[in-house]
Amino acid sequence: MVRKGFKMKLYPGMEAEYEKRHNELWPQMRDMIHEYGGKNYTIFLDRETLVLYGYIEVEDSAKWDESADTAINRKWWDFMADIMETNPDNSPVSVDLHEVFHLD
């Protein structure tokens, strides 16, 4: 199991909308995450900075990376692009975080 941490950023005033959209996560998106080996997925929001901190456990990093090219993932990126910082292809601007400590 690989633990992955990353950060993204919301646009001002989009906190409630971001949470709403994730509370209504499409079943196809949930299925894709599991199909590509993702589990124990959590996203935290720092309300002062609007930085989102994500954590996910994946079975295989290479397999997980392939999930970015699925149609449902691209559709989700397009759906979320109006409320957060994105790249030209609508993928979220995401910065990987370096793990410095873990305790089971």
Protein backbone atom coordinates (compact mmCIF):
# COMPACT_ATOMS: atom_id res chain seq x y z
CA MET A 1 0.00 0.00 0.00
CA VAL A 2 1.30 3.46 -0.96
CA ARG A 3 0.26 6.53 1.04
CA LYS A 4 -0.05 9.68 -1.05
CA GLY A 5 -0.46 13.22 0.25
CA PHE A 6 -1.04 16.27 -1.90
CA LYS A 7 -2.37 19.82 -1.81
CA MET A 8 -4.67 21.83 -4.08
CA LYS A 9 -6.35 25.23 -3.75
CA LEU A 10 -9.92 26.51 -3.91
CA TYR A 11 -11.08 29.83 -5.26
CA PRO A 12 -12.43 32.22 -2.59
CA GLY A 13 -16.02 31.60 -1.61
CA MET A 14 -16.12 28.06 -3.04
CA GLU A 15 -15.72 26.13 0.20
CA ALA A 16 -19.38 25.09 0.55
CA GLU A 17 -19.70 24.22 -3.13
CA TYR A 18 -16.58 22.04 -3.03
CA GLU A 19 -17.90 20.15 -0.03
CA LYS A 20 -21.37 19.80 -1.61
CA ARG A 21 -19.96 18.35 -4.82
CA HIS A 22 -17.90 15.80 -2.92
CA ASN A 23 -20.83 14.86 -0.69
CA GLU A 24 -22.68 14.09 -3.94
CA LEU A 25 -19.75 12.24 -5.53
CA TRP A 26 -20.88 10.44 -8.65
CA PRO A 27 -21.10 6.64 -8.20
CA GLN A 28 -19.03 6.19 -11.38
CA MET A 29 -16.25 8.32 -9.88
CA ARG A 30 -16.33 6.34 -6.62
CA ASP A 31 -16.17 3.09 -8.61
CA MET A 32 -13.23 4.35 -10.69
CA ILE A 33 -11.27 5.31 -7.58
CA HIS A 34 -11.72 1.81 -6.18
CA GLU A 35 -11.08 0.13 -9.54
CA TYR A 36 -7.69 1.86 -9.80
CA GLY A 37 -6.71 0.82 -6.27
CA GLY A 38 -7.62 3.91 -4.26
CA LYS A 39 -9.02 3.67 -0.75
CA ASN A 40 -9.11 5.56 2.53
CA TYR A 41 -9.38 8.84 0.58
CA THR A 42 -9.70 12.00 2.66
CA ILE A 43 -9.52 15.70 1.78
CA PHE A 44 -9.09 18.41 4.42
CA LEU A 45 -9.61 22.16 3.97
CA ASP A 46 -7.59 24.91 5.65
CA ARG A 47 -10.30 27.59 5.76
CA GLU A 48 -7.76 30.39 6.30
CA THR A 49 -5.70 29.67 3.18
CA LEU A 50 -8.24 27.70 1.07
CA VAL A 51 -5.61 25.00 0.65
CA LEU A 52 -7.00 21.48 0.33
CA TYR A 53 -4.88 18.65 1.74
CA GLY A 54 -5.60 15.23 0.27
CA TYR A 55 -4.64 11.80 1.52
CA ILE A 56 -5.23 8.52 -0.30
CA GLU A 57 -3.89 5.01 -0.06
CA VAL A 58 -3.29 3.25 -3.37
CA GLU A 59 -2.36 -0.32 -4.17
CA ASP A 60 0.06 0.63 -6.95
CA SER A 61 1.25 4.13 -7.90
CA ALA A 62 1.56 3.33 -11.62
CA LYS A 63 -1.96 1.92 -11.77
CA TRP A 64 -3.29 4.91 -9.83
CA ASP A 65 -1.58 7.31 -12.26
CA GLU A 66 -3.52 5.66 -15.10
CA SER A 67 -6.81 6.76 -13.51
CA ALA A 68 -6.13 10.33 -14.65
CA ASP A 69 -6.81 9.29 -18.25
CA THR A 70 -10.24 7.77 -17.63
CA ALA A 71 -13.28 9.48 -19.15
CA ILE A 72 -15.01 9.80 -15.78
CA ASN A 73 -11.97 11.42 -14.20
CA ARG A 74 -11.69 13.95 -17.06
CA LYS A 75 -15.42 14.70 -16.69
CA TRP A 76 -14.91 15.27 -12.93
CA TRP A 77 -12.01 17.64 -13.59
CA ASP A 78 -14.19 19.64 -15.99
CA PHE A 79 -16.98 19.72 -13.39
CA MET A 80 -14.63 21.04 -10.68
CA ALA A 81 -12.63 23.53 -12.79
CA ASP A 82 -14.83 26.53 -11.98
CA ILE A 83 -14.18 26.35 -8.23
CA MET A 84 -10.47 25.58 -7.89
CA GLU A 85 -7.07 26.26 -9.40
CA THR A 86 -6.54 24.10 -12.49
CA ASN A 87 -4.06 23.40 -15.25
CA PRO A 88 -4.92 24.05 -18.92
CA ASP A 89 -6.41 20.52 -19.22
CA ASN A 90 -8.68 21.24 -16.19
CA SER A 91 -6.72 18.89 -13.93
CA PRO A 92 -6.36 20.42 -10.48
CA VAL A 93 -3.10 22.16 -9.72
CA SER A 94 -1.79 19.55 -7.30
CA VAL A 95 1.48 19.44 -5.40
CA ASP A 96 2.65 16.14 -3.93
CA LEU A 97 3.57 16.28 -0.25
CA HIS A 98 6.61 14.53 1.20
CA GLU A 99 5.77 12.09 4.01
CA VAL A 100 7.93 12.75 7.07
CA PHE A 101 6.16 10.62 9.69
CA HIS A 102 3.66 7.77 9.90
CA LEU A 103 2.36 5.74 12.84
CA ASP A 104 -0.14 2.87 12.61
